[in-house]
């Protein structure tokens, strides 16, 4: 139990900010391209309380963390309350959708870089020896969580961000046909996870994220 509590302490801040900043980034970019819906709802904020979803931000990550401790491995992820975006209010909805969707995964990549730089600063300042102490573990958790969320959300499956990006890039007719699978997207995602196919599909995106982050080591 003590080991689990320590693990929760290590992962709590990285999980919280990885999920909430992801959503805030969507709202900020949507506002930039003409849709103030998230701003008017008070969702363009760094206050995690505005973004927390009881199930996705707290319950699911805790359950997955507990399971991963029992099994020795696992996929840790979660979600926040989706930021409201009115696609029709964007200046050029189909084109601007790409940037709004990309903002979330991009925020996770930047956060992964932040955690590497944070660890280097703590090492330089003498607050950590880089040998598995609290700050080193937290920085490692920050990198891991953010790269997983980036890779997961970039999968080309609506309603994930990757699905929105693909929709934006496809010609109009193909895009609308592609968008018809959105109601089944989460079901497909769960099936992929149960079959053990989700992780292999994410690996190329994870490798890309690791390559970027390693450039800051």
Protein backbone atom coordinates (compact mmCIF):
# COMPACT_ATOMS: atom_id res chain seq x y z
CA UNK A 1 0.00 0.00 0.00
CA UNK A 2 2.82 2.40 0.87
CA UNK A 3 4.42 1.73 -2.50
CA UNK A 4 1.11 2.45 -4.27
CA UNK A 5 0.68 5.74 -2.37
CA UNK A 6 4.20 6.79 -3.37
CA UNK A 7 3.42 5.94 -6.99
CA UNK A 8 0.23 8.02 -6.88
CA UNK A 9 2.21 10.94 -5.45
CA UNK A 10 4.72 10.64 -8.30
CA UNK A 11 2.09 10.45 -11.04
CA UNK A 12 -0.56 12.85 -9.67
CA UNK A 13 0.75 16.17 -11.02
CA UNK A 14 1.98 14.84 -14.38
CA UNK A 15 -1.36 13.12 -15.07
CA UNK A 16 -3.41 16.11 -13.93
CA UNK A 17 -1.58 18.66 -16.04
CA UNK A 18 -1.07 16.38 -19.05
CA UNK A 19 -4.81 15.92 -19.36
CA UNK A 20 -6.01 19.42 -18.45
CA UNK A 21 -3.45 21.38 -20.48
CA UNK A 22 -4.32 19.18 -23.45
CA UNK A 23 -7.92 20.41 -23.27
CA UNK A 24 -6.99 24.04 -22.57
CA UNK A 25 -4.79 24.03 -25.68
CA UNK A 26 -7.76 22.99 -27.84
CA UNK A 27 -9.79 25.89 -26.48
CA UNK A 28 -7.02 28.44 -26.91
CA UNK A 29 -6.39 27.54 -30.55
CA UNK A 30 -10.13 27.39 -31.29
CA UNK A 31 -10.43 30.94 -29.96
CA UNK A 32 -7.49 32.02 -32.10
CA UNK A 33 -9.32 30.73 -35.20
CA UNK A 34 -12.60 32.41 -34.36
CA UNK A 35 -14.53 30.17 -31.96
CA UNK A 36 -14.84 31.73 -28.46
CA UNK A 37 -17.04 28.92 -27.11
CA UNK A 38 -14.41 27.47 -24.76
CA UNK A 39 -13.35 30.94 -23.63
CA UNK A 40 -16.94 31.90 -22.83
CA UNK A 41 -17.30 28.68 -20.84
CA UNK A 42 -14.20 29.54 -18.79
CA UNK A 43 -12.24 26.58 -20.14
CA UNK A 44 -9.15 28.40 -21.45
CA UNK A 45 -7.42 28.25 -18.09
CA UNK A 46 -4.54 26.46 -16.39
CA UNK A 47 -6.78 25.74 -13.39
CA UNK A 48 -7.10 21.92 -13.40
CA UNK A 49 -10.38 22.11 -11.48
CA UNK A 50 -12.06 23.53 -14.58
CA UNK A 51 -11.11 20.47 -16.63
CA UNK A 52 -11.30 17.52 -14.24
CA UNK A 53 -13.65 14.68 -15.15
CA UNK A 54 -14.29 12.43 -12.15
CA UNK A 55 -14.09 9.23 -14.19
CA UNK A 56 -11.49 10.11 -16.82
CA UNK A 57 -9.13 12.25 -14.77
CA UNK A 58 -9.26 10.43 -11.44
CA UNK A 59 -10.94 7.01 -11.43
CA UNK A 60 -9.58 5.53 -14.68
CA UNK A 61 -5.93 6.60 -14.13
CA UNK A 62 -6.04 5.30 -10.53
CA UNK A 63 -7.51 1.96 -11.60
CA UNK A 64 -5.01 1.57 -14.43
CA UNK A 65 -2.17 2.55 -12.10
CA UNK A 66 -3.29 -0.06 -9.56
CA UNK A 67 -3.59 -2.74 -12.25
CA UNK A 68 -0.19 -1.85 -13.70
CA UNK A 69 1.39 -2.20 -10.25
CA UNK A 70 -0.14 -5.65 -9.87
CA UNK A 71 0.80 -6.85 -13.37
CA UNK A 72 4.13 -5.03 -13.68
CA UNK A 73 3.12 -3.19 -16.84
CA UNK A 74 0.21 -1.41 -18.37
CA UNK A 75 -1.07 1.54 -20.36
CA UNK A 76 -1.73 4.60 -18.21
CA UNK A 77 -4.02 7.24 -19.67
CA UNK A 78 -7.13 9.24 -18.94
CA UNK A 79 -9.14 12.18 -20.15
CA UNK A 80 -10.58 15.49 -19.00
CA UNK A 81 -13.93 17.12 -19.72
CA UNK A 82 -13.81 17.85 -23.46
CA UNK A 83 -13.44 21.53 -24.26
CA UNK A 84 -16.54 22.74 -26.15
CA UNK A 85 -15.70 23.64 -29.74
CA UNK A 86 -18.29 24.91 -32.19
CA UNK A 87 -16.66 23.96 -35.47
CA UNK A 88 -19.07 26.12 -37.47
CA UNK A 89 -17.78 29.25 -35.73
CA UNK A 90 -14.23 28.72 -36.93
CA UNK A 91 -13.32 31.07 -39.76
CA UNK A 92 -12.58 28.17 -42.11
CA UNK A 93 -14.00 25.15 -40.24
CA UNK A 94 -12.51 22.25 -42.19
CA UNK A 95 -9.03 23.78 -42.44
CA UNK A 96 -8.93 25.24 -38.92
CA UNK A 97 -10.10 21.93 -37.43
CA UNK A 98 -6.62 20.56 -38.12
CA UNK A 99 -4.92 23.14 -35.90
CA UNK A 100 -7.49 22.89 -33.12
CA UNK A 101 -7.12 19.10 -33.07
CA UNK A 102 -3.33 19.20 -33.29
CA UNK A 103 -3.06 21.61 -30.34
CA UNK A 104 -3.82 18.91 -27.75
CA UNK A 105 -1.16 16.35 -28.76
CA UNK A 106 1.31 19.20 -29.37
CA UNK A 107 0.77 20.41 -25.80
CA UNK A 108 1.62 16.91 -24.56
CA UNK A 109 4.83 16.84 -26.59
CA UNK A 110 5.85 20.22 -25.18
CA UNK A 111 5.05 19.02 -21.67
CA UNK A 112 7.24 15.95 -22.18
CA UNK A 113 10.07 18.30 -23.18
CA UNK A 114 9.32 20.44 -20.11
CA UNK A 115 9.71 17.44 -17.79
CA UNK A 116 13.09 16.62 -19.33
CA UNK A 117 14.24 20.22 -18.84
CA UNK A 118 12.76 20.22 -15.32
CA UNK A 119 14.77 17.11 -14.45
CA UNK A 120 17.95 18.62 -15.85
CA UNK A 121 17.40 21.77 -13.79
CA UNK A 122 16.80 19.75 -10.62
CA UNK A 123 19.96 17.78 -11.35
CA UNK A 124 21.96 20.96 -11.94
CA UNK A 125 20.58 22.59 -8.77
CA UNK A 126 21.45 19.54 -6.69
CA UNK A 127 17.87 18.65 -5.75
CA UNK A 128 18.18 15.23 -7.33
CA UNK A 129 20.99 12.78 -7.96
CA UNK A 130 19.22 11.20 -10.92
CA UNK A 131 19.09 7.79 -9.25
CA UNK A 132 15.42 7.05 -8.77
CA UNK A 133 14.56 9.70 -6.18
CA UNK A 134 11.18 11.47 -6.09
CA UNK A 135 11.93 14.25 -8.59
CA UNK A 136 13.56 11.89 -11.06
CA UNK A 137 10.58 9.54 -10.87
CA UNK A 138 8.13 12.42 -11.32
CA UNK A 139 10.02 13.76 -14.34
CA UNK A 140 10.10 10.28 -15.88
CA UNK A 141 6.37 9.91 -15.23
CA UNK A 142 5.75 13.30 -16.87
CA UNK A 143 7.59 12.27 -20.02
CA UNK A 144 5.94 8.85 -20.15
CA UNK A 145 2.38 10.04 -19.60
CA UNK A 146 2.59 12.90 -22.06
CA UNK A 147 4.10 10.80 -24.83
CA UNK A 148 1.43 8.13 -24.34
CA UNK A 149 -1.36 10.73 -24.46
CA UNK A 150 0.19 12.33 -27.54
CA UNK A 151 0.44 8.99 -29.33
CA UNK A 152 -3.03 7.83 -28.29
CA UNK A 153 -4.72 11.04 -29.40
CA UNK A 154 -2.91 11.08 -32.73
CA UNK A 155 -4.36 7.73 -33.78
CA UNK A 156 -6.45 8.40 -36.93
CA UNK A 157 -9.72 7.42 -35.33
CA UNK A 158 -12.59 9.87 -34.77
CA UNK A 159 -13.33 11.35 -32.26
CA UNK A 160 -9.64 11.31 -31.29
CA UNK A 161 -7.58 14.28 -32.39
CA UNK A 162 -5.89 12.20 -35.06
CA UNK A 163 -9.30 11.49 -36.56
CA UNK A 164 -10.05 15.22 -36.68
CA UNK A 165 -6.72 15.84 -38.39
CA UNK A 166 -7.41 13.18 -41.03
CA UNK A 167 -10.92 14.61 -41.57
CA UNK A 168 -9.40 18.05 -42.14
CA UNK A 169 -6.88 16.76 -44.68
CA UNK A 170 -9.21 14.59 -46.74
CA UNK A 171 -11.20 15.95 -49.70
CA UNK A 172 -14.67 17.03 -48.61
CA UNK A 173 -16.59 13.99 -49.89
CA UNK A 174 -14.17 11.46 -48.42
CA UNK A 175 -13.97 13.47 -45.19
CA UNK A 176 -17.71 13.27 -44.57
CA UNK A 177 -17.73 9.54 -45.30
CA UNK A 178 -14.78 9.06 -42.95
CA UNK A 179 -16.53 11.08 -40.26
CA UNK A 180 -19.43 8.61 -40.23
CA UNK A 181 -17.35 6.19 -38.12
CA UNK A 182 -17.13 8.70 -35.23
CA UNK A 183 -20.06 7.24 -33.23
CA UNK A 184 -18.19 3.94 -33.17
CA UNK A 185 -14.73 5.36 -32.53
CA UNK A 186 -14.54 4.70 -28.79
CA UNK A 187 -15.92 1.19 -29.25
CA UNK A 188 -13.22 0.51 -31.85
CA UNK A 189 -10.62 1.90 -29.45
CA UNK A 190 -11.75 -0.41 -26.64
CA UNK A 191 -11.74 -3.42 -28.98
CA UNK A 192 -8.21 -2.58 -30.13
CA UNK A 193 -7.12 -2.37 -26.50
CA UNK A 194 -8.73 -5.68 -25.57
CA UNK A 195 -7.12 -7.41 -28.56
CA UNK A 196 -3.70 -6.03 -27.65
CA UNK A 197 -3.40 -4.09 -30.90
CA UNK A 198 -3.54 -0.59 -29.45
CA UNK A 199 0.03 -0.45 -28.17
CA UNK A 200 1.63 -1.64 -31.46
CA UNK A 201 -0.39 0.98 -33.36
CA UNK A 202 0.89 3.67 -31.01
CA UNK A 203 4.54 2.63 -31.15
CA UNK A 204 5.60 4.65 -34.24
CA UNK A 205 4.13 7.80 -32.67
CA UNK A 206 5.79 7.01 -29.34
CA UNK A 207 9.13 6.49 -31.07
CA UNK A 208 8.76 9.87 -32.75
CA UNK A 209 8.02 11.52 -29.39
CA UNK A 210 10.99 9.81 -27.77
CA UNK A 211 13.23 10.97 -30.62
CA UNK A 212 12.15 14.58 -30.09
CA UNK A 213 12.52 14.40 -26.30
CA UNK A 214 15.94 12.74 -26.51
CA UNK A 215 17.14 15.79 -28.44
CA UNK A 216 16.86 17.76 -25.18
CA UNK A 217 18.88 15.32 -23.05
